[in-house]
């Protein structure tokens, strides 16, 4: 819980509506990489959205053999 508490407010807010159950350490690492590339927190959060949707699409293709609507993205 301490790791979560150390996250920036905008990242904690993003996590509150995340589709997947991210660990604080994982989301911080992904955010830091995206922020280093973009230099902008909003763009970094959009990159987290993209990463998350890509993971959902991968999982949907595996579980539902491509029959789930999320499997069509990416």
N, C-alpha and C. Protein backbone atom coordinates (compact mmCIF):
# COMPACT_ATOMS: atom_id res chain seq x y z
N UNK A 1 0.81 -1.18 0.00
CA UNK A 1 0.00 0.00 0.00
C UNK A 1 0.87 1.26 0.00
N UNK A 2 2.03 1.18 0.60
CA UNK A 2 2.92 2.34 0.62
C UNK A 2 3.38 2.70 -0.78
N UNK A 3 3.62 1.68 -1.62
CA UNK A 3 4.02 1.96 -3.00
C UNK A 3 2.91 2.71 -3.74
N UNK A 4 1.69 2.29 -3.52
CA UNK A 4 0.54 2.96 -4.13
C UNK A 4 0.47 4.41 -3.65
N UNK A 5 0.66 4.62 -2.36
CA UNK A 5 0.59 5.97 -1.79
C UNK A 5 1.66 6.90 -2.34
N UNK A 6 2.77 6.33 -2.80
CA UNK A 6 3.86 7.15 -3.35
C UNK A 6 3.65 7.52 -4.83
N UNK A 7 2.64 6.94 -5.46
CA UNK A 7 2.38 7.25 -6.87
C UNK A 7 1.89 8.68 -7.00
N UNK A 8 2.19 9.33 -8.13
CA UNK A 8 1.66 10.67 -8.37
C UNK A 8 0.12 10.63 -8.39
N UNK A 9 -0.50 11.72 -8.02
CA UNK A 9 -1.97 11.76 -7.93
C UNK A 9 -2.64 11.38 -9.25
N UNK A 10 -2.11 11.87 -10.37
CA UNK A 10 -2.75 11.54 -11.65
C UNK A 10 -2.64 10.05 -11.98
N UNK A 11 -1.60 9.41 -11.52
CA UNK A 11 -1.45 7.98 -11.75
C UNK A 11 -2.38 7.18 -10.83
N UNK A 12 -2.54 7.62 -9.60
CA UNK A 12 -3.50 6.96 -8.70
C UNK A 12 -4.92 7.11 -9.25
N UNK A 13 -5.21 8.27 -9.79
CA UNK A 13 -6.52 8.50 -10.39
C UNK A 13 -6.74 7.58 -11.60
N UNK A 14 -5.72 7.44 -12.43
CA UNK A 14 -5.81 6.55 -13.59
C UNK A 14 -6.06 5.11 -13.13
N UNK A 15 -5.35 4.69 -12.09
CA UNK A 15 -5.51 3.33 -11.58
C UNK A 15 -6.92 3.07 -11.06
N UNK A 16 -7.55 4.08 -10.52
CA UNK A 16 -8.90 3.92 -9.97
C UNK A 16 -9.90 3.48 -11.04
N UNK A 17 -9.63 3.81 -12.30
CA UNK A 17 -10.54 3.41 -13.36
C UNK A 17 -9.90 2.41 -14.33
N UNK A 18 -8.78 1.85 -13.95
CA UNK A 18 -8.09 0.89 -14.82
C UNK A 18 -8.93 -0.38 -15.00
N UNK A 19 -8.81 -0.97 -16.16
CA UNK A 19 -9.54 -2.20 -16.46
C UNK A 19 -8.86 -3.40 -15.80
N UNK A 20 -7.55 -3.39 -15.81
CA UNK A 20 -6.77 -4.50 -15.27
C UNK A 20 -6.29 -4.19 -13.85
N UNK A 21 -6.00 -5.21 -13.07
CA UNK A 21 -5.52 -5.00 -11.70
C UNK A 21 -4.01 -4.78 -11.66
N UNK A 22 -3.57 -3.60 -12.03
CA UNK A 22 -2.14 -3.28 -12.06
C UNK A 22 -1.57 -3.26 -10.66
N UNK A 23 -0.34 -3.72 -10.52
CA UNK A 23 0.40 -3.52 -9.27
C UNK A 23 1.02 -2.14 -9.33
N UNK A 24 1.17 -1.51 -8.18
CA UNK A 24 1.73 -0.15 -8.13
C UNK A 24 3.10 -0.10 -8.78
N UNK A 25 3.93 -1.09 -8.53
CA UNK A 25 5.28 -1.11 -9.08
C UNK A 25 5.25 -1.21 -10.61
N UNK A 26 4.37 -2.04 -11.14
CA UNK A 26 4.27 -2.23 -12.59
C UNK A 26 3.76 -0.99 -13.29
N UNK A 27 2.72 -0.39 -12.73
CA UNK A 27 2.16 0.79 -13.38
C UNK A 27 3.14 1.96 -13.29
N UNK A 28 3.88 2.05 -12.21
CA UNK A 28 4.87 3.13 -12.08
C UNK A 28 5.98 2.97 -13.11
N UNK A 29 6.43 1.74 -13.31
CA UNK A 29 7.49 1.46 -14.28
C UNK A 29 7.02 1.82 -15.69
N UNK A 30 5.80 1.38 -16.05
CA UNK A 30 5.27 1.67 -17.38
C UNK A 30 5.05 3.17 -17.57
N UNK A 31 4.55 3.82 -16.56
CA UNK A 31 4.32 5.27 -16.62
C UNK A 31 5.64 6.02 -16.77
N UNK A 32 6.63 5.64 -15.97
CA UNK A 32 7.93 6.31 -16.05
C UNK A 32 8.56 6.17 -17.43
N UNK A 33 8.45 4.97 -18.03
CA UNK A 33 8.98 4.78 -19.39
C UNK A 33 8.23 5.64 -20.39
N UNK A 34 6.91 5.65 -20.28
CA UNK A 34 6.10 6.45 -21.21
C UNK A 34 6.38 7.95 -21.02
N UNK A 35 6.53 8.37 -19.78
CA UNK A 35 6.80 9.77 -19.51
C UNK A 35 8.19 10.17 -20.02
N UNK A 36 9.14 9.28 -19.88
CA UNK A 36 10.49 9.57 -20.37
C UNK A 36 10.48 9.74 -21.89
N UNK A 37 9.65 8.96 -22.58
CA UNK A 37 9.55 9.06 -24.04
C UNK A 37 8.81 10.32 -24.47
N UNK A 38 7.74 10.66 -23.76
CA UNK A 38 6.87 11.73 -24.21
C UNK A 38 7.14 13.08 -23.54
N UNK A 39 7.60 13.04 -22.29
CA UNK A 39 7.81 14.27 -21.55
C UNK A 39 6.51 14.93 -21.11
N UNK A 40 5.40 14.20 -21.21
CA UNK A 40 4.09 14.76 -20.90
C UNK A 40 3.26 13.73 -20.14
N UNK A 41 2.71 14.12 -19.00
CA UNK A 41 1.97 13.16 -18.17
C UNK A 41 0.68 12.69 -18.86
N UNK A 42 -0.01 13.56 -19.57
CA UNK A 42 -1.24 13.15 -20.27
C UNK A 42 -0.93 12.12 -21.36
N UNK A 43 0.12 12.35 -22.10
CA UNK A 43 0.51 11.39 -23.14
C UNK A 43 0.95 10.08 -22.51
N UNK A 44 1.63 10.16 -21.38
CA UNK A 44 2.06 8.94 -20.68
C UNK A 44 0.84 8.13 -20.23
N UNK A 45 -0.19 8.81 -19.74
CA UNK A 45 -1.41 8.11 -19.32
C UNK A 45 -2.13 7.50 -20.52
N UNK A 46 -2.11 8.19 -21.65
CA UNK A 46 -2.70 7.61 -22.87
C UNK A 46 -1.93 6.37 -23.31
N UNK A 47 -0.62 6.39 -23.10
CA UNK A 47 0.19 5.21 -23.42
C UNK A 47 -0.20 4.05 -22.50
N UNK A 48 -0.48 4.33 -21.24
CA UNK A 48 -0.95 3.27 -20.33
C UNK A 48 -2.29 2.71 -20.81
N UNK A 49 -3.16 3.58 -21.29
CA UNK A 49 -4.43 3.11 -21.86
C UNK A 49 -4.16 2.16 -23.02
N UNK A 50 -3.25 2.55 -23.90
CA UNK A 50 -2.93 1.71 -25.07
C UNK A 50 -2.38 0.37 -24.63
N UNK A 51 -1.45 0.37 -23.68
CA UNK A 51 -0.85 -0.87 -23.17
C UNK A 51 -1.92 -1.77 -22.58
N UNK A 52 -2.79 -1.17 -21.79
CA UNK A 52 -3.85 -1.94 -21.13
C UNK A 52 -4.81 -2.56 -22.15
N UNK A 53 -5.25 -1.78 -23.14
CA UNK A 53 -6.16 -2.30 -24.15
C UNK A 53 -5.50 -3.39 -25.00
N UNK A 54 -4.22 -3.25 -25.26
CA UNK A 54 -3.51 -4.29 -26.01
C UNK A 54 -3.46 -5.59 -25.21
N UNK A 55 -3.27 -5.50 -23.90
CA UNK A 55 -3.25 -6.70 -23.07
C UNK A 55 -4.63 -7.35 -23.02
N UNK A 56 -5.67 -6.56 -22.91
CA UNK A 56 -7.03 -7.09 -22.91
C UNK A 56 -7.31 -7.80 -24.24
N UNK A 57 -6.89 -7.20 -25.34
CA UNK A 57 -7.10 -7.81 -26.66
C UNK A 57 -6.35 -9.14 -26.77
N UNK A 58 -5.10 -9.17 -26.28
CA UNK A 58 -4.34 -10.43 -26.30
C UNK A 58 -5.04 -11.51 -25.50
N UNK A 59 -5.48 -11.13 -24.30
CA UNK A 59 -6.17 -12.10 -23.44
C UNK A 59 -7.48 -12.57 -24.07
N UNK A 60 -8.21 -11.65 -24.68
CA UNK A 60 -9.49 -12.01 -25.31
C UNK A 60 -9.28 -12.99 -26.45
N UNK A 61 -8.23 -12.77 -27.23
CA UNK A 61 -7.96 -13.71 -28.33
C UNK A 61 -7.64 -15.10 -27.80
N UNK A 62 -6.91 -15.18 -26.69
CA UNK A 62 -6.56 -16.47 -26.10
C UNK A 62 -7.77 -17.16 -25.50
N UNK A 63 -8.54 -16.43 -24.72
CA UNK A 63 -9.65 -17.01 -23.97
C UNK A 63 -10.85 -17.31 -24.86
N UNK A 64 -11.21 -16.36 -25.73
CA UNK A 64 -12.41 -16.51 -26.54
C UNK A 64 -12.10 -16.80 -28.00
N UNK A 65 -10.88 -17.16 -28.29
CA UNK A 65 -10.48 -17.51 -29.65
C UNK A 65 -10.87 -16.43 -30.66
N UNK A 66 -10.71 -15.18 -30.25
CA UNK A 66 -10.98 -14.07 -31.16
C UNK A 66 -12.44 -13.69 -31.29
N UNK A 67 -13.34 -14.32 -30.53
CA UNK A 67 -14.78 -14.05 -30.66
C UNK A 67 -15.27 -12.91 -29.78
N UNK A 68 -14.45 -12.43 -28.90
CA UNK A 68 -14.82 -11.31 -28.03
C UNK A 68 -14.53 -10.00 -28.75
N UNK A 69 -15.39 -8.98 -28.60
CA UNK A 69 -15.16 -7.70 -29.30
C UNK A 69 -13.80 -7.08 -29.00
N UNK A 70 -13.27 -7.27 -27.81
CA UNK A 70 -11.95 -6.70 -27.47
C UNK A 70 -10.83 -7.36 -28.26
N UNK A 71 -11.05 -8.54 -28.78
CA UNK A 71 -10.01 -9.24 -29.52
C UNK A 71 -9.73 -8.56 -30.85
N UNK A 72 -10.63 -7.71 -31.30
CA UNK A 72 -10.47 -7.04 -32.59
C UNK A 72 -9.51 -5.87 -32.53
N UNK A 73 -9.28 -5.30 -31.33
CA UNK A 73 -8.38 -4.16 -31.21
C UNK A 73 -6.93 -4.62 -31.20
N UNK A 74 -6.07 -3.72 -31.55
CA UNK A 74 -4.59 -3.87 -31.56
C UNK A 74 -4.03 -4.25 -32.88
